[in-house]
Protein backbone atom coordinates (compact mmCIF):
# COMPACT_ATOMS: atom_id res chain seq x y z
CA MET A 1 -45.95 19.97 44.54
CA THR A 2 -44.10 17.64 46.80
CA SER A 3 -42.30 14.91 44.92
CA SER A 4 -38.86 16.49 45.19
CA ASP A 5 -38.81 15.97 48.95
CA LYS A 6 -36.00 13.74 50.15
CA PRO A 7 -36.82 11.56 53.15
CA GLY A 8 -34.16 8.96 52.45
CA ASN A 9 -32.38 7.02 49.77
CA ALA A 10 -35.42 5.00 48.77
CA ALA A 11 -37.54 8.09 48.26
CA ASP A 12 -34.69 9.90 46.57
CA ALA A 13 -34.57 7.37 43.78
CA PRO A 14 -37.68 8.45 41.82
CA ALA A 15 -36.29 11.93 41.24
CA GLU A 16 -33.40 10.33 39.36
CA THR A 17 -35.80 8.79 36.86
CA THR A 18 -37.23 12.02 35.53
CA GLY A 19 -36.18 13.56 32.28
CA ALA A 20 -35.47 17.05 33.58
CA GLU A 21 -32.67 15.99 35.89
CA GLU A 22 -30.02 14.79 33.48
CA GLY A 23 -29.23 14.25 29.82
CA PRO A 24 -27.37 15.95 26.97
CA ALA A 25 -27.05 19.69 26.55
CA ALA A 26 -30.30 21.45 25.68
CA THR A 27 -31.22 21.70 22.01
CA GLY A 28 -34.19 23.04 20.06
CA VAL A 29 -36.81 24.84 22.15
CA ALA A 30 -35.03 23.84 25.36
CA ALA A 31 -32.04 25.97 24.31
CA LEU A 32 -34.15 29.11 23.82
CA ASP A 33 -35.41 31.75 26.23
CA TRP A 34 -39.10 32.58 26.55
CA ALA A 35 -39.04 35.67 24.35
CA THR A 36 -37.61 33.69 21.44
CA ALA A 37 -39.60 30.48 21.91
CA ALA A 38 -42.93 32.30 22.37
CA ALA A 39 -42.75 33.61 18.82
CA ASP A 40 -44.27 30.23 17.89
CA PRO A 41 -47.98 30.66 18.77
CA GLN A 42 -48.49 26.92 19.24
CA TYR A 43 -45.62 26.73 21.71
CA ARG A 44 -46.96 29.75 23.57
CA ALA A 45 -50.40 28.11 23.81
CA ALA A 46 -48.82 24.92 25.18
CA VAL A 47 -46.93 26.84 27.87
CA VAL A 48 -50.04 28.79 28.87
CA ASP A 49 -51.88 25.48 29.24
CA LEU A 50 -49.01 24.02 31.24
CA LEU A 51 -48.79 27.01 33.60
CA GLY A 52 -52.57 27.07 33.98
CA ALA A 53 -52.65 23.37 34.88
CA LEU A 54 -49.81 23.80 37.35
CA ALA A 55 -51.37 26.89 38.92
CA TYR A 56 -54.70 25.20 39.56
CA GLY A 57 -52.90 22.11 40.81
CA GLU A 58 -51.02 24.20 43.37
CA LEU A 59 -54.20 25.98 44.45
CA ALA A 60 -55.97 22.64 44.83
CA ALA A 61 -52.99 21.28 46.80
CA PHE A 62 -53.20 24.26 49.15
CA GLU A 63 -56.90 23.62 49.75
CA ARG A 64 -56.36 19.89 50.25
CA LEU A 65 -53.53 20.31 52.75
CA ALA A 66 -55.58 22.84 54.71
CA GLU A 67 -58.40 20.28 54.85
CA ASP A 68 -56.01 17.47 55.79
CA ALA A 69 -54.75 19.56 58.69
CA LYS A 70 -58.20 19.20 60.26
CA LEU A 71 -57.65 15.43 60.44
CA ALA A 72 -54.19 15.72 61.99
CA PRO A 73 -53.93 13.75 65.25
CA THR A 74 -51.65 16.25 67.02
CA LEU A 75 -51.06 20.00 67.08
CA ALA A 76 -47.54 19.45 65.77
CA ASP A 77 -48.90 17.55 62.77
CA LYS A 78 -51.50 20.25 62.17
CA ALA A 79 -48.83 22.94 62.21
CA GLU A 80 -46.61 20.96 59.82
CA LEU A 81 -49.41 20.60 57.27
CA ALA A 82 -50.31 24.28 57.60
CA LYS A 83 -46.69 25.17 56.76
CA MET A 84 -46.80 22.94 53.68
CA ALA A 85 -50.12 24.46 52.60
CA SER A 86 -48.55 27.90 52.82
CA ALA A 87 -45.68 26.78 50.57
CA GLU A 88 -48.13 25.43 47.99
CA PHE A 89 -49.98 28.75 47.95
CA HIS A 90 -46.70 30.59 47.37
CA HIS A 91 -46.07 28.33 44.38
CA PHE A 92 -49.54 29.19 43.08
CA GLU A 93 -48.79 32.89 43.41
CA ARG A 94 -45.60 32.55 41.36
CA LEU A 95 -47.45 30.81 38.55
CA ARG A 96 -50.34 33.26 38.66
CA ASP A 97 -47.94 36.20 38.50
CA ARG A 98 -46.03 34.64 35.60
CA LEU A 99 -49.22 34.18 33.59
CA ALA A 100 -50.11 37.82 34.17
CA GLU A 101 -46.58 38.86 33.25
CA ILE A 102 -46.81 37.22 29.83
CA GLY A 103 -50.19 38.83 29.17
CA GLU A 104 -52.49 35.96 30.08
CA GLU A 105 -55.46 36.10 32.45
CA PRO A 106 -54.64 33.52 35.18
CA THR A 107 -58.21 32.44 35.85
CA ALA A 108 -58.85 31.81 32.17
CA ALA A 109 -55.62 29.79 31.92
CA MET A 110 -56.62 27.62 34.89
CA GLU A 111 -60.27 27.11 33.98
CA PRO A 112 -59.80 24.26 31.44
CA PHE A 113 -58.18 22.10 34.14
CA VAL A 114 -60.63 22.62 36.99
CA ALA A 115 -62.90 19.72 36.05
CA ALA A 116 -60.03 17.23 35.75
CA TYR A 117 -58.43 18.19 39.07
CA ASP A 118 -61.73 18.40 40.90
CA GLY A 119 -62.80 15.08 39.38
CA PHE A 120 -59.61 13.43 40.60
CA HIS A 121 -60.05 14.80 44.11
CA LYS A 122 -63.73 13.78 44.18
CA GLN A 123 -62.85 10.23 43.12
CA THR A 124 -60.03 9.99 45.68
CA ASP A 125 -61.43 11.64 48.77
CA PRO A 126 -59.45 10.17 51.70
CA SER A 127 -61.37 8.58 54.54
CA ASP A 128 -58.77 9.28 57.21
CA TRP A 129 -55.47 10.96 58.06
CA LEU A 130 -53.24 8.22 56.68
CA GLU A 131 -55.07 8.03 53.36
CA GLY A 132 -54.69 11.80 53.08
CA LEU A 133 -50.93 11.54 53.61
CA VAL A 134 -50.57 8.79 51.02
CA LYS A 135 -52.69 10.72 48.55
CA ALA A 136 -50.57 13.86 48.85
CA TYR A 137 -47.33 11.89 48.57
CA VAL A 138 -48.36 9.55 45.74
CA GLY A 139 -50.68 11.82 43.77
CA ASP A 140 -48.46 14.90 43.86
CA SER A 141 -45.38 12.83 43.07
CA ILE A 142 -46.93 11.37 39.91
CA ALA A 143 -47.92 14.85 38.74
CA SER A 144 -44.52 16.29 39.56
CA ASP A 145 -42.70 13.52 37.69
CA PHE A 146 -44.85 14.27 34.64
CA TYR A 147 -44.15 18.01 34.80
CA ARG A 148 -40.41 17.41 35.23
CA GLU A 149 -40.41 15.30 32.10
CA VAL A 150 -42.12 18.11 30.20
CA ALA A 151 -39.84 20.76 31.74
CA ALA A 152 -36.80 19.23 30.07
CA ARG A 153 -38.26 20.32 26.72
CA LEU A 154 -39.35 23.84 27.73
CA ASP A 155 -37.60 27.13 27.08
CA SER A 156 -35.06 28.05 29.76
CA ASP A 157 -37.20 30.70 31.53
CA THR A 158 -40.30 28.53 31.75
CA ARG A 159 -38.26 25.49 32.74
CA GLU A 160 -36.69 27.38 35.65
CA LEU A 161 -40.11 28.44 36.94
CA VAL A 162 -41.68 24.99 36.59
CA LEU A 163 -38.84 23.28 38.44
CA ALA A 164 -38.97 25.94 41.18
CA VAL A 165 -42.67 25.38 41.88
CA LEU A 166 -42.07 21.63 42.07
CA ASP A 167 -39.59 22.27 44.87
CA ASP A 168 -39.53 20.61 48.27
CA THR A 169 -42.34 21.47 50.70
CA GLY A 170 -41.37 18.72 53.14
CA HIS A 171 -44.41 16.52 52.58
CA ALA A 172 -42.63 13.40 51.33
CA GLY A 173 -40.40 12.97 54.35
CA PHE A 174 -43.33 13.75 56.65
CA ALA A 175 -45.61 11.23 54.91
CA VAL A 176 -43.01 8.46 54.89
CA GLU A 177 -42.30 8.90 58.59
CA LYS A 178 -45.96 8.88 59.63
CA VAL A 179 -47.07 6.04 57.34
CA ARG A 180 -44.16 3.79 58.30
CA ALA A 181 -44.85 4.42 61.98
CA ALA A 182 -48.53 3.53 61.51
CA ILE A 183 -47.64 0.27 59.71
CA ASP A 184 -45.14 -0.63 62.44
CA ALA A 185 -47.87 -0.10 65.02
CA ASP A 186 -50.46 -2.11 63.06
CA PRO A 187 -49.21 -4.10 60.03
CA ARG A 188 -52.79 -4.53 58.79
CA VAL A 189 -52.77 -0.85 57.87
CA GLY A 190 -50.22 -1.57 55.14
CA GLY A 191 -52.58 -3.68 53.02
CA ARG A 192 -55.33 -1.07 53.09
CA LEU A 193 -52.96 1.76 52.19
CA ALA A 194 -51.33 -0.26 49.39
CA LEU A 195 -54.74 -0.76 47.75
CA TRP A 196 -55.45 2.94 48.19
CA ALA A 197 -52.15 3.93 46.58
CA ARG A 198 -52.79 1.67 43.58
CA ARG A 199 -56.17 3.32 43.11
CA LEU A 200 -54.52 6.75 43.28
CA MET A 201 -51.99 5.74 40.64
CA GLY A 202 -54.69 4.62 38.23
CA GLU A 203 -56.83 7.72 38.74
CA ALA A 204 -53.88 10.10 38.43
CA LEU A 205 -52.66 8.58 35.16
CA SER A 206 -56.18 8.48 33.72
CA GLN A 207 -56.82 12.12 34.53
CA SER A 208 -53.45 13.29 33.17
CA GLN A 209 -54.02 11.40 29.92
CA ARG A 210 -57.48 12.93 29.56
CA VAL A 211 -56.12 16.44 30.10
CA VAL A 212 -53.41 15.97 27.49
CA ALA A 213 -55.88 14.48 24.99
CA ASP A 214 -58.29 17.39 25.45
CA ARG A 215 -55.68 20.13 24.96
CA ASP A 216 -54.26 20.17 21.45
CA ALA A 217 -51.24 22.33 22.27
CA LEU A 218 -50.18 20.11 25.17
CA SER A 219 -50.64 16.90 23.21
CA THR A 220 -48.63 18.32 20.33
CA MET A 221 -45.88 19.25 22.76
CA LEU A 222 -45.70 15.69 24.05
CA VAL A 223 -45.53 14.02 20.65
CA GLY A 224 -42.90 16.35 19.25
CA GLY A 225 -44.75 18.98 17.28
CA VAL A 226 -43.65 21.80 19.59
CA ALA A 227 -41.19 20.67 22.24
CA ASP A 228 -37.92 19.26 21.04
CA GLY A 229 -37.22 15.57 21.50
CA PHE A 230 -40.57 13.91 22.20
CA ASP A 231 -42.15 11.28 19.97
CA LEU A 232 -44.85 8.68 20.58
CA ALA A 233 -42.32 6.04 21.65
CA GLU A 234 -40.76 8.51 24.08
CA VAL A 235 -44.17 9.27 25.56
CA GLY A 236 -44.53 5.56 26.30
CA ARG A 237 -41.09 5.48 27.91
CA MET A 238 -41.99 8.57 29.91
CA PHE A 239 -45.03 6.91 31.45
CA SER A 240 -42.92 3.82 32.15
CA ARG A 241 -40.44 5.98 34.07
CA ILE A 242 -43.28 7.58 36.03
CA THR A 243 -44.64 4.12 36.91
CA GLU A 244 -41.20 2.95 38.00
CA ALA A 245 -40.81 6.02 40.20
CA HIS A 246 -44.19 5.27 41.78
CA THR A 247 -43.05 1.73 42.63
CA LYS A 248 -39.95 3.11 44.36
CA ARG A 249 -42.00 5.58 46.37
CA MET A 250 -44.33 2.80 47.47
CA ALA A 251 -41.28 0.93 48.76
CA ALA A 252 -40.21 4.06 50.64
CA LEU A 253 -43.61 4.07 52.34
CA GLY A 254 -43.26 0.38 53.18
CA LEU A 255 -46.13 -0.56 50.84
CA ALA A 256 -46.34 -3.13 48.07
CA ALA A 257 -46.89 -1.62 44.61
C-alpha cells in the first residue's frame, strides 16, 4: 500500500488522522501478543480475514502497477513504477508467509476477498496514465487509512506486521508530482481527474463496507465484539476520518474534493 508516502506537508496530513498513529496506551486486545490474543477463536478468524484481505490487496496492487508501467510516458517513469510494484510484491510475500506461519493456507485466506477487489478494479479501470496514478494514490490511501484504524486494535505482533506492509513505496510523492505537473500544463485536466477521484472514493468505500458486512469476524471486530475500543459510533467517526483524509489528499494533488 502507498498511503504512508510523504510528498509534502499537504499529503502528510492524512496520516495524522488515522487511529493507529496516536492515542492512549494500548489496552485490551491491543495490549496482547498474538499467542495470547489468538486463544479467542473469533479474534483469530478476524485476523486471518484481515491478513487475507491485505495479502490479496498487495498482490492486486503489484499486478496493477505492472500494468500501469506499460502506460508510462518515459523510461524513467516505467522504471519507477516497476520498483514500486516490486515493493508491493514483497509486502504480499510477508503476509503470505505470516499466514502460513500461523497455520493458515494463504490462498484460502485470500479467496473470500478476490471478488470484491477484482470488482473494484473492474469498475475503476483507468483510461490513461494520469487516471492510473490517481487511482493508485487515492484508492490505496483509502484502504491504508482503513487498515491503520483497525491496526490500532490488533494484538502487538499483528499490528507491527500490518503497519509494516502499509509502509512507503514512494507512489504518493510520485503521483502528486506527475499530476500537479499535468494540471499546470493543461488546467482542464484537473476537472476530469477530480471527477475520477470522487468516483474512486465512492467505489472504494462501497466495496470496503460490503467486505466487512460479508465477513462476520471482521464486522464483529469493528463494532467491538473482538477488538478493544470500537463501537458503532466509533465506526462512523472512523469513516469520517477516512473521508477527511481523502479531502486532504485531493488538495495535495491540486484537485477539488
